[in-house]
Amino acid sequence: MEFTWSKKLLAAAALAVVSITAVSAQTSVEEGKRKVKTKVAPQVPELARRMNITGKVKIEVVIAPDGHVKTSRAVGGHPVLVQTCLDAVKDWKFEPAPEETTQMVEFDFRQQ
């Protein structure tokens, strides 16, 4: 009887460990391009957190001469993670430049 109780306790502890696994996002921007002045971090969607979805999302951004993001589009990544990255990058500000530029931004969602 006590052996069964121990198995149940062990199973419950294992589930608790799985359910508190966190996912975070790290960002990288192409080297040699315009530098980012202001970044907004993407929020990890609750569904991604619950399902432990990780991976990279690549976003192509078109930056206006004044440094605001003119347009953005997803180039790759898990569909659950893409929209949060698009939402975040639209609020980024880059250094001014004489002309419009295009560059890639990569978000890496990892378990902590």
C-alpha atoms as a PDB file:
ATOM      1  CA  MET A   1       0.000   0.000   0.000  1.00  0.00           C
ATOM      2  CA  GLU A   2       2.762   2.481   0.911  1.00  0.00           C
ATOM      3  CA  PHE A   3       4.668   1.598  -2.269  1.00  0.00           C
ATOM      4  CA  THR A   4       1.670   2.691  -4.380  1.00  0.00           C
ATOM      5  CA  TRP A   5       1.434   5.967  -2.456  1.00  0.00           C
ATOM      6  CA  SER A   6       5.152   6.628  -3.126  1.00  0.00           C
ATOM      7  CA  LYS A   7       4.664   6.011  -6.852  1.00  0.00           C
ATOM      8  CA  LYS A   8       1.777   8.485  -6.928  1.00  0.00           C
ATOM      9  CA  LEU A   9       3.818  11.090  -5.065  1.00  0.00           C
ATOM     10  CA  LEU A  10       6.754  10.611  -7.439  1.00  0.00           C
ATOM     11  CA  ALA A  11       4.468  10.946 -10.482  1.00  0.00           C
ATOM     12  CA  ALA A  12       2.920  14.138  -9.081  1.00  0.00           C
ATOM     13  CA  ALA A  13       6.378  15.615  -8.431  1.00  0.00           C
ATOM     14  CA  ALA A  14       7.471  14.804 -11.998  1.00  0.00           C
ATOM     15  CA  LEU A  15       4.384  16.558 -13.402  1.00  0.00           C
ATOM     16  CA  ALA A  16       5.053  19.606 -11.239  1.00  0.00           C
ATOM     17  CA  VAL A  17       8.592  19.880 -12.601  1.00  0.00           C
ATOM     18  CA  VAL A  18       7.325  19.687 -16.198  1.00  0.00           C
ATOM     19  CA  SER A  19       4.623  22.300 -15.619  1.00  0.00           C
ATOM     20  CA  ILE A  20       7.009  24.940 -14.198  1.00  0.00           C
ATOM     21  CA  THR A  21       9.512  24.758 -17.065  1.00  0.00           C
ATOM     22  CA  ALA A  22       9.921  28.301 -18.370  1.00  0.00           C
ATOM     23  CA  VAL A  23      10.573  29.458 -21.914  1.00  0.00           C
ATOM     24  CA  SER A  24      12.414  32.710 -22.633  1.00  0.00           C
ATOM     25  CA  ALA A  25      13.398  34.561 -25.795  1.00  0.00           C
ATOM     26  CA  GLN A  26      16.801  35.901 -26.775  1.00  0.00           C
ATOM     27  CA  THR A  27      17.328  38.247 -29.703  1.00  0.00           C
ATOM     28  CA  SER A  28      20.040  38.691 -32.303  1.00  0.00           C
ATOM     29  CA  VAL A  29      20.305  41.243 -35.091  1.00  0.00           C
ATOM     30  CA  GLU A  30      22.473  40.982 -38.214  1.00  0.00           C
ATOM     31  CA  GLU A  31      25.986  42.279 -37.619  1.00  0.00           C
ATOM     32  CA  GLY A  32      27.168  45.251 -39.658  1.00  0.00           C
ATOM     33  CA  LYS A  33      23.696  46.675 -40.045  1.00  0.00           C
ATOM     34  CA  ARG A  34      21.844  49.429 -38.223  1.00  0.00           C
ATOM     35  CA  LYS A  35      22.017  49.200 -34.457  1.00  0.00           C
ATOM     36  CA  VAL A  36      18.900  48.893 -32.336  1.00  0.00           C
ATOM     37  CA  LYS A  37      18.239  51.855 -30.033  1.00  0.00           C
ATOM     38  CA  THR A  38      15.074  50.507 -28.380  1.00  0.00           C
ATOM     39  CA  LYS A  39      13.987  46.852 -28.149  1.00  0.00           C
ATOM     40  CA  VAL A  40      10.689  45.393 -26.987  1.00  0.00           C
ATOM     41  CA  ALA A  41      10.972  41.753 -25.921  1.00  0.00           C
ATOM     42  CA  PRO A  42       8.366  39.337 -27.265  1.00  0.00           C
ATOM     43  CA  GLN A  43       5.980  37.869 -24.717  1.00  0.00           C
ATOM     44  CA  VAL A  44       6.065  34.079 -24.629  1.00  0.00           C
ATOM     45  CA  PRO A  45       2.512  32.933 -25.484  1.00  0.00           C
ATOM     46  CA  GLU A  46       0.801  30.898 -22.781  1.00  0.00           C
ATOM     47  CA  LEU A  47       0.225  28.052 -25.263  1.00  0.00           C
ATOM     48  CA  ALA A  48       3.961  27.925 -26.035  1.00  0.00           C
ATOM     49  CA  ARG A  49       4.743  27.914 -22.336  1.00  0.00           C
ATOM     50  CA  ARG A  50       2.288  25.078 -21.599  1.00  0.00           C
ATOM     51  CA  MET A  51       3.447  22.998 -24.569  1.00  0.00           C
ATOM     52  CA  ASN A  52       7.167  23.783 -24.029  1.00  0.00           C
ATOM     53  CA  ILE A  53       7.462  25.069 -27.600  1.00  0.00           C
ATOM     54  CA  THR A  54      10.972  26.307 -28.319  1.00  0.00           C
ATOM     55  CA  GLY A  55      12.902  27.297 -31.409  1.00  0.00           C
ATOM     56  CA  LYS A  56      13.954  30.232 -33.517  1.00  0.00           C
ATOM     57  CA  VAL A  57      11.812  32.801 -35.312  1.00  0.00           C
ATOM     58  CA  LYS A  58      13.304  34.902 -38.109  1.00  0.00           C
ATOM     59  CA  ILE A  59      11.738  38.248 -38.954  1.00  0.00           C
ATOM     60  CA  GLU A  60      12.673  40.475 -41.892  1.00  0.00           C
ATOM     61  CA  VAL A  61      12.243  44.151 -41.018  1.00  0.00           C
ATOM     62  CA  VAL A  62      12.220  47.164 -43.310  1.00  0.00           C
ATOM     63  CA  ILE A  63      13.542  50.174 -41.416  1.00  0.00           C
ATOM     64  CA  ALA A  64      12.671  53.726 -42.437  1.00  0.00           C
ATOM     65  CA  PRO A  65      15.419  56.375 -42.573  1.00  0.00           C
ATOM     66  CA  ASP A  66      14.241  57.823 -39.232  1.00  0.00           C
ATOM     67  CA  GLY A  67      14.721  54.422 -37.512  1.00  0.00           C
ATOM     68  CA  HIS A  68      11.148  53.168 -37.056  1.00  0.00           C
ATOM     69  CA  VAL A  69      10.107  49.762 -38.381  1.00  0.00           C
ATOM     70  CA  LYS A  70       8.150  50.335 -41.560  1.00  0.00           C
ATOM     71  CA  THR A  71       7.164  46.716 -42.242  1.00  0.00           C
ATOM     72  CA  SER A  72       7.985  43.260 -40.933  1.00  0.00           C
ATOM     73  CA  ARG A  73       7.334  39.728 -42.111  1.00  0.00           C
ATOM     74  CA  ALA A  74       8.053  36.289 -40.736  1.00  0.00           C
ATOM     75  CA  VAL A  75      10.641  34.327 -42.685  1.00  0.00           C
ATOM     76  CA  GLY A  76      10.569  31.230 -40.470  1.00  0.00           C
ATOM     77  CA  GLY A  77       9.630  29.851 -37.107  1.00  0.00           C
ATOM     78  CA  HIS A  78       6.942  28.018 -35.169  1.00  0.00           C
ATOM     79  CA  PRO A  79       3.487  29.499 -35.919  1.00  0.00           C
ATOM     80  CA  VAL A  80       2.676  29.795 -32.203  1.00  0.00           C
ATOM     81  CA  LEU A  81       5.726  32.040 -31.690  1.00  0.00           C
ATOM     82  CA  VAL A  82       5.642  34.160 -34.879  1.00  0.00           C
ATOM     83  CA  GLN A  83       2.899  36.667 -34.021  1.00  0.00           C
ATOM     84  CA  THR A  84       4.396  37.669 -30.683  1.00  0.00           C
ATOM     85  CA  CYS A  85       7.698  38.414 -32.451  1.00  0.00           C
ATOM     86  CA  LEU A  86       5.967  40.499 -35.126  1.00  0.00           C
ATOM     87  CA  ASP A  87       4.135  42.442 -32.420  1.00  0.00           C
ATOM     88  CA  ALA A  88       7.353  43.117 -30.498  1.00  0.00           C
ATOM     89  CA  VAL A  89       9.536  44.160 -33.431  1.00  0.00           C
ATOM     90  CA  LYS A  90       7.035  46.738 -34.721  1.00  0.00           C
ATOM     91  CA  ASP A  91       7.853  48.855 -31.625  1.00  0.00           C
ATOM     92  CA  TRP A  92      11.638  48.662 -32.082  1.00  0.00           C
ATOM     93  CA  LYS A  93      13.630  51.803 -32.922  1.00  0.00           C
ATOM     94  CA  PHE A  94      16.885  51.736 -34.896  1.00  0.00           C
ATOM     95  CA  GLU A  95      19.566  54.359 -35.423  1.00  0.00           C
ATOM     96  CA  PRO A  96      18.752  56.849 -38.226  1.00  0.00           C
ATOM     97  CA  ALA A  97      20.332  56.327 -41.659  1.00  0.00           C
ATOM     98  CA  PRO A  98      20.281  58.165 -44.982  1.00  0.00           C
ATOM     99  CA  GLU A  99      18.039  55.552 -46.608  1.00  0.00           C
ATOM    100  CA  GLU A 100      15.612  52.714 -45.923  1.00  0.00           C
ATOM    101  CA  THR A 101      17.279  49.400 -45.021  1.00  0.00           C
ATOM    102  CA  THR A 102      16.210  45.777 -44.656  1.00  0.00           C
ATOM    103  CA  GLN A 103      17.658  43.349 -42.155  1.00  0.00           C
ATOM    104  CA  MET A 104      16.937  40.118 -40.316  1.00  0.00           C
ATOM    105  CA  VAL A 105      16.107  39.786 -36.629  1.00  0.00           C
ATOM    106  CA  GLU A 106      16.213  36.371 -34.972  1.00  0.00           C
ATOM    107  CA  PHE A 107      14.430  35.431 -31.753  1.00  0.00           C
ATOM    108  CA  ASP A 108      15.511  32.257 -29.966  1.00  0.00           C
ATOM    109  CA  PHE A 109      12.950  30.773 -27.577  1.00  0.00           C
ATOM    110  CA  ARG A 110      14.661  28.417 -25.116  1.00  0.00           C
ATOM    111  CA  GLN A 111      13.731  26.536 -21.984  1.00  0.00           C
ATOM    112  CA  GLN A 112      15.221  27.931 -18.801  1.00  0.00           C
END
